Each structure stands twice: as structure tokens, then as C-alpha cells.
All heavy atoms as atom14 arrays in JSON, in Angstrom:
{
  "sequence": "GAGEHDEPGILVAFEESAVRVVANTAGFDWGGEALTARGGPVRGVHVI",
  "atom14_mask": [
    [1, 1, 1, 1, 0, 0, 0, 0, 0, 0, 0, 0, 0, 0],
    [1, 1, 1, 1, 1, 0, 0, 0, 0, 0, 0, 0, 0, 0],
    [1, 1, 1, 1, 0, 0, 0, 0, 0, 0, 0, 0, 0, 0],
    [1, 1, 1, 1, 1, 1, 1, 1, 1, 0, 0, 0, 0, 0],
    [1, 1, 1, 1, 1, 1, 1, 1, 1, 1, 0, 0, 0, 0],
    [1, 1, 1, 1, 1, 1, 1, 1, 0, 0, 0, 0, 0, 0],
    [1, 1, 1, 1, 1, 1, 1, 1, 1, 0, 0, 0, 0, 0],
    [1, 1, 1, 1, 1, 1, 1, 0, 0, 0, 0, 0, 0, 0],
    [1, 1, 1, 1, 0, 0, 0, 0, 0, 0, 0, 0, 0, 0],
    [1, 1, 1, 1, 1, 1, 1, 1, 0, 0, 0, 0, 0, 0],
    [1, 1, 1, 1, 1, 1, 1, 1, 0, 0, 0, 0, 0, 0],
    [1, 1, 1, 1, 1, 1, 1, 0, 0, 0, 0, 0, 0, 0],
    [1, 1, 1, 1, 1, 0, 0, 0, 0, 0, 0, 0, 0, 0],
    [1, 1, 1, 1, 1, 1, 1, 1, 1, 1, 1, 0, 0, 0],
    [1, 1, 1, 1, 1, 1, 1, 1, 1, 0, 0, 0, 0, 0],
    [1, 1, 1, 1, 1, 1, 1, 1, 1, 0, 0, 0, 0, 0],
    [1, 1, 1, 1, 1, 1, 0, 0, 0, 0, 0, 0, 0, 0],
    [1, 1, 1, 1, 1, 0, 0, 0, 0, 0, 0, 0, 0, 0],
    [1, 1, 1, 1, 1, 1, 1, 0, 0, 0, 0, 0, 0, 0],
    [1, 1, 1, 1, 1, 1, 1, 1, 1, 1, 1, 0, 0, 0],
    [1, 1, 1, 1, 1, 1, 1, 0, 0, 0, 0, 0, 0, 0],
    [1, 1, 1, 1, 1, 1, 1, 0, 0, 0, 0, 0, 0, 0],
    [1, 1, 1, 1, 1, 0, 0, 0, 0, 0, 0, 0, 0, 0],
    [1, 1, 1, 1, 1, 1, 1, 1, 0, 0, 0, 0, 0, 0],
    [1, 1, 1, 1, 1, 1, 1, 0, 0, 0, 0, 0, 0, 0],
    [1, 1, 1, 1, 1, 0, 0, 0, 0, 0, 0, 0, 0, 0],
    [1, 1, 1, 1, 0, 0, 0, 0, 0, 0, 0, 0, 0, 0],
    [1, 1, 1, 1, 1, 1, 1, 1, 1, 1, 1, 0, 0, 0],
    [1, 1, 1, 1, 1, 1, 1, 1, 0, 0, 0, 0, 0, 0],
    [1, 1, 1, 1, 1, 1, 1, 1, 1, 1, 1, 1, 1, 1],
    [1, 1, 1, 1, 0, 0, 0, 0, 0, 0, 0, 0, 0, 0],
    [1, 1, 1, 1, 0, 0, 0, 0, 0, 0, 0, 0, 0, 0],
    [1, 1, 1, 1, 1, 1, 1, 1, 1, 0, 0, 0, 0, 0],
    [1, 1, 1, 1, 1, 0, 0, 0, 0, 0, 0, 0, 0, 0],
    [1, 1, 1, 1, 1, 1, 1, 1, 0, 0, 0, 0, 0, 0],
    [1, 1, 1, 1, 1, 1, 1, 0, 0, 0, 0, 0, 0, 0],
    [1, 1, 1, 1, 1, 0, 0, 0, 0, 0, 0, 0, 0, 0],
    [1, 1, 1, 1, 1, 1, 1, 1, 1, 1, 1, 0, 0, 0],
    [1, 1, 1, 1, 0, 0, 0, 0, 0, 0, 0, 0, 0, 0],
    [1, 1, 1, 1, 0, 0, 0, 0, 0, 0, 0, 0, 0, 0],
    [1, 1, 1, 1, 1, 1, 1, 0, 0, 0, 0, 0, 0, 0],
    [1, 1, 1, 1, 1, 1, 1, 0, 0, 0, 0, 0, 0, 0],
    [1, 1, 1, 1, 1, 1, 1, 1, 1, 1, 1, 0, 0, 0],
    [1, 1, 1, 1, 0, 0, 0, 0, 0, 0, 0, 0, 0, 0],
    [1, 1, 1, 1, 1, 1, 1, 0, 0, 0, 0, 0, 0, 0],
    [1, 1, 1, 1, 1, 1, 1, 1, 1, 1, 0, 0, 0, 0],
    [1, 1, 1, 1, 1, 1, 1, 0, 0, 0, 0, 0, 0, 0],
    [1, 1, 1, 1, 1, 1, 1, 1, 0, 0, 0, 0, 0, 0]
  ],
  "atom14_positions": [
    [[132.18, 114.63, 36.39], [133.25, 113.63, 36.45], [132.7, 112.22, 36.46], [133.2, 111.34, 35.74], [0.0, 0.0, 0.0], [0.0, 0.0, 0.0], [0.0, 0.0, 0.0], [0.0, 0.0, 0.0], [0.0, 0.0, 0.0], [0.0, 0.0, 0.0], [0.0, 0.0, 0.0], [0.0, 0.0, 0.0], [0.0, 0.0, 0.0], [0.0, 0.0, 0.0]],
    [[131.65, 112.0, 37.26], [131.06, 110.67, 37.34], [130.28, 110.32, 36.09], [130.37, 109.2, 35.58], [130.14, 110.59, 38.56], [0.0, 0.0, 0.0], [0.0, 0.0, 0.0], [0.0, 0.0, 0.0], [0.0, 0.0, 0.0], [0.0, 0.0, 0.0], [0.0, 0.0, 0.0], [0.0, 0.0, 0.0], [0.0, 0.0, 0.0], [0.0, 0.0, 0.0]],
    [[129.54, 111.3, 35.56], [128.65, 111.01, 34.44], [129.32, 110.99, 33.08], [128.89, 110.26, 32.19], [0.0, 0.0, 0.0], [0.0, 0.0, 0.0], [0.0, 0.0, 0.0], [0.0, 0.0, 0.0], [0.0, 0.0, 0.0], [0.0, 0.0, 0.0], [0.0, 0.0, 0.0], [0.0, 0.0, 0.0], [0.0, 0.0, 0.0], [0.0, 0.0, 0.0]],
    [[130.38, 111.79, 32.9], [130.99, 111.92, 31.58], [132.4, 111.34, 31.48], [132.87, 111.08, 30.38], [131.02, 113.4, 31.17], [129.62, 114.02, 31.06], [129.67, 115.5, 30.69], [130.79, 116.03, 30.47], [128.59, 116.12, 30.62], [0.0, 0.0, 0.0], [0.0, 0.0, 0.0], [0.0, 0.0, 0.0], [0.0, 0.0, 0.0], [0.0, 0.0, 0.0]],
    [[133.05, 111.16, 32.63], [134.45, 110.71, 32.59], [134.69, 109.45, 33.42], [135.84, 109.05, 33.59], [135.38, 111.83, 33.06], [135.27, 113.08, 32.24], [135.83, 113.2, 30.99], [134.63, 114.26, 32.47], [135.57, 114.4, 30.49], [134.85, 115.06, 31.39], [0.0, 0.0, 0.0], [0.0, 0.0, 0.0], [0.0, 0.0, 0.0], [0.0, 0.0, 0.0]],
    [[133.61, 108.86, 33.93], [133.71, 107.63, 34.72], [134.69, 107.81, 35.87], [135.51, 106.93, 36.15], [134.14, 106.46, 33.83], [133.92, 105.11, 34.52], [133.04, 105.04, 35.4], [134.63, 104.14, 34.19], [0.0, 0.0, 0.0], [0.0, 0.0, 0.0], [0.0, 0.0, 0.0], [0.0, 0.0, 0.0], [0.0, 0.0, 0.0], [0.0, 0.0, 0.0]],
    [[134.61, 108.96, 36.55], [135.46, 109.25, 37.7], [134.59, 109.46, 38.93], [134.03, 110.53, 39.12], [136.31, 110.49, 37.43], [137.3, 110.33, 36.28], [138.2, 111.55, 36.11], [138.1, 112.49, 36.93], [138.98, 111.56, 35.15], [0.0, 0.0, 0.0], [0.0, 0.0, 0.0], [0.0, 0.0, 0.0], [0.0, 0.0, 0.0], [0.0, 0.0, 0.0]],
    [[134.41, 108.42, 39.77], [133.61, 108.58, 40.98], [134.13, 109.71, 41.85], [135.33, 110.03, 41.82], [133.77, 107.22, 41.69], [134.13, 106.27, 40.59], [134.97, 107.06, 39.63], [0.0, 0.0, 0.0], [0.0, 0.0, 0.0], [0.0, 0.0, 0.0], [0.0, 0.0, 0.0], [0.0, 0.0, 0.0], [0.0, 0.0, 0.0], [0.0, 0.0, 0.0]],
    [[133.24, 110.34, 42.61], [133.63, 111.46, 43.43], [133.01, 111.41, 44.81], [132.04, 110.68, 45.06], [0.0, 0.0, 0.0], [0.0, 0.0, 0.0], [0.0, 0.0, 0.0], [0.0, 0.0, 0.0], [0.0, 0.0, 0.0], [0.0, 0.0, 0.0], [0.0, 0.0, 0.0], [0.0, 0.0, 0.0], [0.0, 0.0, 0.0], [0.0, 0.0, 0.0]],
    [[133.57, 112.2, 45.71], [133.08, 112.27, 47.08], [132.87, 113.74, 47.45], [133.73, 114.58, 47.19], [134.08, 111.64, 48.07], [134.25, 110.15, 47.79], [133.63, 111.85, 49.52], [135.35, 109.5, 48.62], [0.0, 0.0, 0.0], [0.0, 0.0, 0.0], [0.0, 0.0, 0.0], [0.0, 0.0, 0.0], [0.0, 0.0, 0.0], [0.0, 0.0, 0.0]],
    [[131.72, 114.04, 48.05], [131.47, 115.37, 48.6], [131.52, 115.26, 50.11], [130.82, 114.45, 50.72], [130.11, 115.9, 48.17], [129.69, 117.2, 48.88], [130.46, 118.38, 48.31], [128.2, 117.44, 48.78], [0.0, 0.0, 0.0], [0.0, 0.0, 0.0], [0.0, 0.0, 0.0], [0.0, 0.0, 0.0], [0.0, 0.0, 0.0], [0.0, 0.0, 0.0]],
    [[132.34, 116.08, 50.75], [132.39, 116.2, 52.2], [131.73, 117.52, 52.55], [132.27, 118.6, 52.24], [133.83, 116.14, 52.75], [133.82, 116.16, 54.27], [134.55, 114.9, 52.23], [0.0, 0.0, 0.0], [0.0, 0.0, 0.0], [0.0, 0.0, 0.0], [0.0, 0.0, 0.0], [0.0, 0.0, 0.0], [0.0, 0.0, 0.0], [0.0, 0.0, 0.0]],
    [[130.53, 117.47, 53.14], [129.72, 118.66, 53.37], [129.83, 119.11, 54.81], [129.47, 118.36, 55.73], [128.26, 118.38, 53.0], [0.0, 0.0, 0.0], [0.0, 0.0, 0.0], [0.0, 0.0, 0.0], [0.0, 0.0, 0.0], [0.0, 0.0, 0.0], [0.0, 0.0, 0.0], [0.0, 0.0, 0.0], [0.0, 0.0, 0.0], [0.0, 0.0, 0.0]],
    [[130.33, 120.32, 55.03], [130.5, 120.86, 56.38], [129.4, 121.82, 56.78], [129.11, 121.98, 57.95], [131.85, 121.59, 56.49], [133.04, 120.7, 56.32], [133.81, 120.77, 55.17], [133.4, 119.79, 57.3], [134.92, 119.95, 55.01], [134.5, 118.96, 57.14], [135.26, 119.04, 56.0], [0.0, 0.0, 0.0], [0.0, 0.0, 0.0], [0.0, 0.0, 0.0]],
    [[128.81, 122.49, 55.8], [127.88, 123.58, 56.12], [126.42, 123.13, 56.1], [125.6, 123.64, 56.87], [128.08, 124.73, 55.13], [127.47, 126.03, 55.59], [128.07, 127.23, 54.87], [128.67, 127.04, 53.79], [127.94, 128.34, 55.39], [0.0, 0.0, 0.0], [0.0, 0.0, 0.0], [0.0, 0.0, 0.0], [0.0, 0.0, 0.0], [0.0, 0.0, 0.0]],
    [[126.07, 122.19, 55.23], [124.71, 121.69, 55.13], [124.71, 120.17, 55.23], [125.73, 119.53, 54.97], [124.08, 122.1, 53.8], [123.89, 123.59, 53.63], [123.23, 123.92, 52.3], [123.89, 123.8, 51.27], [122.05, 124.27, 52.31], [0.0, 0.0, 0.0], [0.0, 0.0, 0.0], [0.0, 0.0, 0.0], [0.0, 0.0, 0.0], [0.0, 0.0, 0.0]],
    [[123.58, 119.6, 55.56], [123.49, 118.15, 55.63], [123.59, 117.56, 54.22], [123.29, 118.24, 53.23], [122.16, 117.72, 56.26], [121.07, 118.04, 55.39], [0.0, 0.0, 0.0], [0.0, 0.0, 0.0], [0.0, 0.0, 0.0], [0.0, 0.0, 0.0], [0.0, 0.0, 0.0], [0.0, 0.0, 0.0], [0.0, 0.0, 0.0], [0.0, 0.0, 0.0]],
    [[124.0, 116.29, 54.15], [124.14, 115.63, 52.86], [122.82, 115.61, 52.1], [122.78, 115.86, 50.89], [124.65, 114.21, 53.07], [0.0, 0.0, 0.0], [0.0, 0.0, 0.0], [0.0, 0.0, 0.0], [0.0, 0.0, 0.0], [0.0, 0.0, 0.0], [0.0, 0.0, 0.0], [0.0, 0.0, 0.0], [0.0, 0.0, 0.0], [0.0, 0.0, 0.0]],
    [[121.73, 115.33, 52.81], [120.42, 115.27, 52.17], [120.06, 116.63, 51.57], [119.55, 116.73, 50.45], [119.34, 114.84, 53.19], [117.94, 114.98, 52.59], [119.58, 113.41, 53.64], [0.0, 0.0, 0.0], [0.0, 0.0, 0.0], [0.0, 0.0, 0.0], [0.0, 0.0, 0.0], [0.0, 0.0, 0.0], [0.0, 0.0, 0.0], [0.0, 0.0, 0.0]],
    [[120.37, 117.7, 52.32], [120.04, 119.05, 51.86], [120.87, 119.43, 50.64], [120.36, 120.05, 49.7], [120.29, 120.04, 53.0], [119.78, 121.43, 52.71], [118.28, 121.47, 52.65], [117.79, 122.79, 52.35], [116.53, 123.05, 51.99], [115.67, 122.06, 51.89], [116.15, 124.28, 51.74], [0.0, 0.0, 0.0], [0.0, 0.0, 0.0], [0.0, 0.0, 0.0]],
    [[122.15, 119.09, 50.66], [123.02, 119.43, 49.53], [122.51, 118.79, 48.25], [122.42, 119.43, 47.2], [124.47, 118.98, 49.81], [125.31, 119.1, 48.56], [125.08, 119.81, 50.93], [0.0, 0.0, 0.0], [0.0, 0.0, 0.0], [0.0, 0.0, 0.0], [0.0, 0.0, 0.0], [0.0, 0.0, 0.0], [0.0, 0.0, 0.0], [0.0, 0.0, 0.0]],
    [[122.16, 117.5, 48.33], [121.66, 116.79, 47.15], [120.32, 117.38, 46.7], [120.09, 117.58, 45.5], [121.52, 115.28, 47.44], [120.83, 114.57, 46.28], [122.89, 114.66, 47.7], [0.0, 0.0, 0.0], [0.0, 0.0, 0.0], [0.0, 0.0, 0.0], [0.0, 0.0, 0.0], [0.0, 0.0, 0.0], [0.0, 0.0, 0.0], [0.0, 0.0, 0.0]],
    [[119.45, 117.68, 47.65], [118.13, 118.25, 47.3], [118.28, 119.59, 46.6], [117.51, 119.91, 45.68], [117.28, 118.4, 48.56], [0.0, 0.0, 0.0], [0.0, 0.0, 0.0], [0.0, 0.0, 0.0], [0.0, 0.0, 0.0], [0.0, 0.0, 0.0], [0.0, 0.0, 0.0], [0.0, 0.0, 0.0], [0.0, 0.0, 0.0], [0.0, 0.0, 0.0]],
    [[119.27, 120.38, 47.0], [119.46, 121.7, 46.4], [119.92, 121.64, 44.96], [119.86, 122.64, 44.24], [120.47, 122.5, 47.23], [119.91, 122.96, 48.56], [118.7, 122.95, 48.78], [120.78, 123.33, 49.48], [0.0, 0.0, 0.0], [0.0, 0.0, 0.0], [0.0, 0.0, 0.0], [0.0, 0.0, 0.0], [0.0, 0.0, 0.0], [0.0, 0.0, 0.0]],
    [[120.41, 120.49, 44.51], [120.87, 120.35, 43.13], [119.79, 119.8, 42.21], [120.03, 119.6, 41.01], [122.1, 119.42, 43.04], [121.71, 118.09, 43.44], [123.21, 119.91, 43.94], [0.0, 0.0, 0.0], [0.0, 0.0, 0.0], [0.0, 0.0, 0.0], [0.0, 0.0, 0.0], [0.0, 0.0, 0.0], [0.0, 0.0, 0.0], [0.0, 0.0, 0.0]],
    [[118.59, 119.58, 42.75], [117.53, 118.93, 41.96], [117.12, 119.74, 40.73], [116.62, 119.19, 39.76], [116.31, 118.67, 42.84], [0.0, 0.0, 0.0], [0.0, 0.0, 0.0], [0.0, 0.0, 0.0], [0.0, 0.0, 0.0], [0.0, 0.0, 0.0], [0.0, 0.0, 0.0], [0.0, 0.0, 0.0], [0.0, 0.0, 0.0], [0.0, 0.0, 0.0]],
    [[117.34, 121.05, 40.78], [116.94, 121.88, 39.65], [117.9, 121.84, 38.47], [117.61, 122.42, 37.42], [0.0, 0.0, 0.0], [0.0, 0.0, 0.0], [0.0, 0.0, 0.0], [0.0, 0.0, 0.0], [0.0, 0.0, 0.0], [0.0, 0.0, 0.0], [0.0, 0.0, 0.0], [0.0, 0.0, 0.0], [0.0, 0.0, 0.0], [0.0, 0.0, 0.0]],
    [[119.03, 121.16, 38.63], [120.0, 121.07, 37.54], [119.82, 119.76, 36.76], [119.37, 118.75, 37.32], [121.42, 121.14, 38.09], [121.74, 122.42, 38.8], [122.02, 122.44, 40.16], [121.74, 123.63, 38.11], [122.3, 123.62, 40.82], [122.01, 124.82, 38.75], [122.29, 124.82, 40.12], [0.0, 0.0, 0.0], [0.0, 0.0, 0.0], [0.0, 0.0, 0.0]],
    [[120.21, 119.79, 35.5], [120.06, 118.61, 34.64], [120.82, 117.42, 35.21], [120.43, 116.27, 34.98], [120.6, 118.92, 33.23], [119.82, 120.03, 32.55], [118.69, 120.32, 32.99], [120.35, 120.63, 31.59], [0.0, 0.0, 0.0], [0.0, 0.0, 0.0], [0.0, 0.0, 0.0], [0.0, 0.0, 0.0], [0.0, 0.0, 0.0], [0.0, 0.0, 0.0]],
    [[121.9, 117.67, 35.92], [122.77, 116.6, 36.43], [122.54, 116.32, 37.91], [123.26, 115.52, 38.52], [124.24, 116.98, 36.23], [124.54, 118.42, 36.54], [124.66, 119.44, 35.65], [124.74, 118.99, 37.85], [124.93, 120.63, 36.31], [124.99, 120.37, 37.65], [124.75, 118.47, 39.14], [125.22, 121.25, 38.71], [124.98, 119.34, 40.2], [125.21, 120.7, 39.99]],
    [[121.57, 117.0, 38.55], [121.46, 116.96, 40.0], [120.38, 116.07, 40.56], [119.82, 115.21, 39.89], [0.0, 0.0, 0.0], [0.0, 0.0, 0.0], [0.0, 0.0, 0.0], [0.0, 0.0, 0.0], [0.0, 0.0, 0.0], [0.0, 0.0, 0.0], [0.0, 0.0, 0.0], [0.0, 0.0, 0.0], [0.0, 0.0, 0.0], [0.0, 0.0, 0.0]],
    [[120.06, 116.31, 41.82], [119.04, 115.55, 42.52], [119.47, 114.13, 42.84], [120.64, 113.85, 43.05], [0.0, 0.0, 0.0], [0.0, 0.0, 0.0], [0.0, 0.0, 0.0], [0.0, 0.0, 0.0], [0.0, 0.0, 0.0], [0.0, 0.0, 0.0], [0.0, 0.0, 0.0], [0.0, 0.0, 0.0], [0.0, 0.0, 0.0], [0.0, 0.0, 0.0]],
    [[118.52, 113.24, 42.85], [118.79, 111.85, 43.21], [119.76, 111.18, 42.24], [120.41, 110.19, 42.58], [117.48, 111.05, 43.27], [116.59, 111.43, 44.44], [117.28, 111.23, 45.77], [117.98, 110.21, 45.93], [117.14, 112.1, 46.65], [0.0, 0.0, 0.0], [0.0, 0.0, 0.0], [0.0, 0.0, 0.0], [0.0, 0.0, 0.0], [0.0, 0.0, 0.0]],
    [[119.85, 111.71, 41.01], [120.77, 111.13, 40.03], [122.22, 111.26, 40.47], [123.09, 110.55, 39.98], [120.57, 111.79, 38.66], [0.0, 0.0, 0.0], [0.0, 0.0, 0.0], [0.0, 0.0, 0.0], [0.0, 0.0, 0.0], [0.0, 0.0, 0.0], [0.0, 0.0, 0.0], [0.0, 0.0, 0.0], [0.0, 0.0, 0.0], [0.0, 0.0, 0.0]],
    [[122.48, 112.17, 41.42], [123.85, 112.37, 41.87], [124.37, 111.22, 42.73], [125.54, 110.9, 42.72], [123.94, 113.64, 42.71], [124.17, 114.96, 41.99], [124.08, 116.1, 42.97], [125.51, 114.96, 41.29], [0.0, 0.0, 0.0], [0.0, 0.0, 0.0], [0.0, 0.0, 0.0], [0.0, 0.0, 0.0], [0.0, 0.0, 0.0], [0.0, 0.0, 0.0]],
    [[123.49, 110.65, 43.52], [123.93, 109.71, 44.54], [124.14, 108.33, 43.98], [123.64, 107.97, 42.91], [122.9, 109.64, 45.68], [121.69, 109.05, 45.19], [122.59, 111.03, 46.23], [0.0, 0.0, 0.0], [0.0, 0.0, 0.0], [0.0, 0.0, 0.0], [0.0, 0.0, 0.0], [0.0, 0.0, 0.0], [0.0, 0.0, 0.0], [0.0, 0.0, 0.0]],
    [[124.86, 107.52, 44.72], [125.14, 106.15, 44.27], [123.93, 105.25, 44.44], [123.94, 104.11, 43.97], [126.31, 105.58, 45.07], [0.0, 0.0, 0.0], [0.0, 0.0, 0.0], [0.0, 0.0, 0.0], [0.0, 0.0, 0.0], [0.0, 0.0, 0.0], [0.0, 0.0, 0.0], [0.0, 0.0, 0.0], [0.0, 0.0, 0.0], [0.0, 0.0, 0.0]],
    [[122.88, 105.74, 45.09], [121.74, 104.88, 45.38], [120.74, 104.81, 44.23], [119.85, 103.98, 44.23], [121.03, 105.36, 46.64], [121.87, 105.22, 47.89], [121.06, 105.58, 49.12], [120.68, 106.98, 49.12], [121.46, 107.95, 49.58], [122.65, 107.67, 50.05], [121.05, 109.21, 49.57], [0.0, 0.0, 0.0], [0.0, 0.0, 0.0], [0.0, 0.0, 0.0]],
    [[120.81, 105.71, 43.28], [119.83, 105.65, 42.21], [120.15, 106.63, 41.1], [120.99, 107.5, 41.22], [0.0, 0.0, 0.0], [0.0, 0.0, 0.0], [0.0, 0.0, 0.0], [0.0, 0.0, 0.0], [0.0, 0.0, 0.0], [0.0, 0.0, 0.0], [0.0, 0.0, 0.0], [0.0, 0.0, 0.0], [0.0, 0.0, 0.0], [0.0, 0.0, 0.0]],
    [[119.46, 106.49, 39.96], [119.66, 107.39, 38.85], [120.74, 106.92, 37.9], [121.49, 106.0, 38.19], [0.0, 0.0, 0.0], [0.0, 0.0, 0.0], [0.0, 0.0, 0.0], [0.0, 0.0, 0.0], [0.0, 0.0, 0.0], [0.0, 0.0, 0.0], [0.0, 0.0, 0.0], [0.0, 0.0, 0.0], [0.0, 0.0, 0.0], [0.0, 0.0, 0.0]],
    [[120.82, 107.58, 36.73], [121.78, 107.17, 35.71], [123.22, 107.51, 36.05], [124.14, 106.91, 35.52], [121.32, 107.95, 34.47], [120.66, 109.17, 35.05], [119.98, 108.7, 36.3], [0.0, 0.0, 0.0], [0.0, 0.0, 0.0], [0.0, 0.0, 0.0], [0.0, 0.0, 0.0], [0.0, 0.0, 0.0], [0.0, 0.0, 0.0], [0.0, 0.0, 0.0]],
    [[123.44, 108.48, 36.92], [124.81, 108.85, 37.27], [125.16, 108.16, 38.58], [124.61, 108.46, 39.62], [124.94, 110.38, 37.44], [126.36, 110.74, 37.86], [124.58, 111.09, 36.14], [0.0, 0.0, 0.0], [0.0, 0.0, 0.0], [0.0, 0.0, 0.0], [0.0, 0.0, 0.0], [0.0, 0.0, 0.0], [0.0, 0.0, 0.0], [0.0, 0.0, 0.0]],
    [[126.08, 107.22, 38.52], [126.51, 106.51, 39.72], [127.96, 106.87, 40.0], [128.77, 106.9, 39.11], [126.35, 105.0, 39.55], [124.9, 104.58, 39.3], [124.76, 103.07, 39.23], [123.38, 102.69, 38.95], [122.44, 102.56, 39.87], [122.76, 102.76, 41.14], [121.22, 102.22, 39.54], [0.0, 0.0, 0.0], [0.0, 0.0, 0.0], [0.0, 0.0, 0.0]],
    [[128.26, 107.12, 41.25], [129.64, 107.41, 41.57], [129.88, 108.71, 42.31], [131.01, 109.07, 42.54], [0.0, 0.0, 0.0], [0.0, 0.0, 0.0], [0.0, 0.0, 0.0], [0.0, 0.0, 0.0], [0.0, 0.0, 0.0], [0.0, 0.0, 0.0], [0.0, 0.0, 0.0], [0.0, 0.0, 0.0], [0.0, 0.0, 0.0], [0.0, 0.0, 0.0]],
    [[128.82, 109.43, 42.73], [128.98, 110.6, 43.59], [128.48, 110.23, 44.97], [127.32, 109.89, 45.15], [128.21, 111.83, 43.05], [128.35, 113.0, 44.02], [128.72, 112.21, 41.68], [0.0, 0.0, 0.0], [0.0, 0.0, 0.0], [0.0, 0.0, 0.0], [0.0, 0.0, 0.0], [0.0, 0.0, 0.0], [0.0, 0.0, 0.0], [0.0, 0.0, 0.0]],
    [[129.36, 110.28, 45.95], [129.03, 109.86, 47.31], [129.19, 111.04, 48.24], [130.13, 111.82, 48.11], [129.93, 108.7, 47.73], [129.9, 107.54, 46.78], [129.12, 106.43, 46.99], [130.54, 107.35, 45.61], [129.28, 105.59, 45.98], [130.13, 106.13, 45.13], [0.0, 0.0, 0.0], [0.0, 0.0, 0.0], [0.0, 0.0, 0.0], [0.0, 0.0, 0.0]],
    [[128.29, 111.17, 49.2], [128.27, 112.32, 50.09], [128.57, 111.88, 51.51], [127.95, 110.95, 52.03], [126.92, 113.05, 50.03], [126.95, 114.3, 50.92], [126.57, 113.44, 48.61], [0.0, 0.0, 0.0], [0.0, 0.0, 0.0], [0.0, 0.0, 0.0], [0.0, 0.0, 0.0], [0.0, 0.0, 0.0], [0.0, 0.0, 0.0], [0.0, 0.0, 0.0]],
    [[129.54, 112.54, 52.15], [129.86, 112.32, 53.55], [129.37, 113.53, 54.33], [129.77, 114.67, 54.07], [131.38, 112.14, 53.76], [131.85, 110.86, 53.07], [131.72, 112.09, 55.25], [133.34, 110.63, 53.15], [0.0, 0.0, 0.0], [0.0, 0.0, 0.0], [0.0, 0.0, 0.0], [0.0, 0.0, 0.0], [0.0, 0.0, 0.0], [0.0, 0.0, 0.0]]
  ]
}
């Protein structure tokens, strides 16, 4: 949504920490640090 449709998003994580959730996506083409608003080409995914 953020990368292809310019629709920022929010993840509310109850089961794992925000850092862990983002780290677990690092193996995907769209994942890892690129997910967060702090860096990478995809801006607009924020984790609570």
C-alpha cells in the first residue's frame, strides 16, 4: 500500500515487539528497514 499506492499504513503489534516484527520481514523484497518511515525507499509504514 505504501510502496505502490501511496497509502501510508500503521501496524499495531500485540504479540511481538515492533523491532522484531520489522526484522522478521527482512527476507522479503519489500521488508526490513525499507518498511519503516525512518529509512529506505518505502516511506509510510509506521509501527506501534
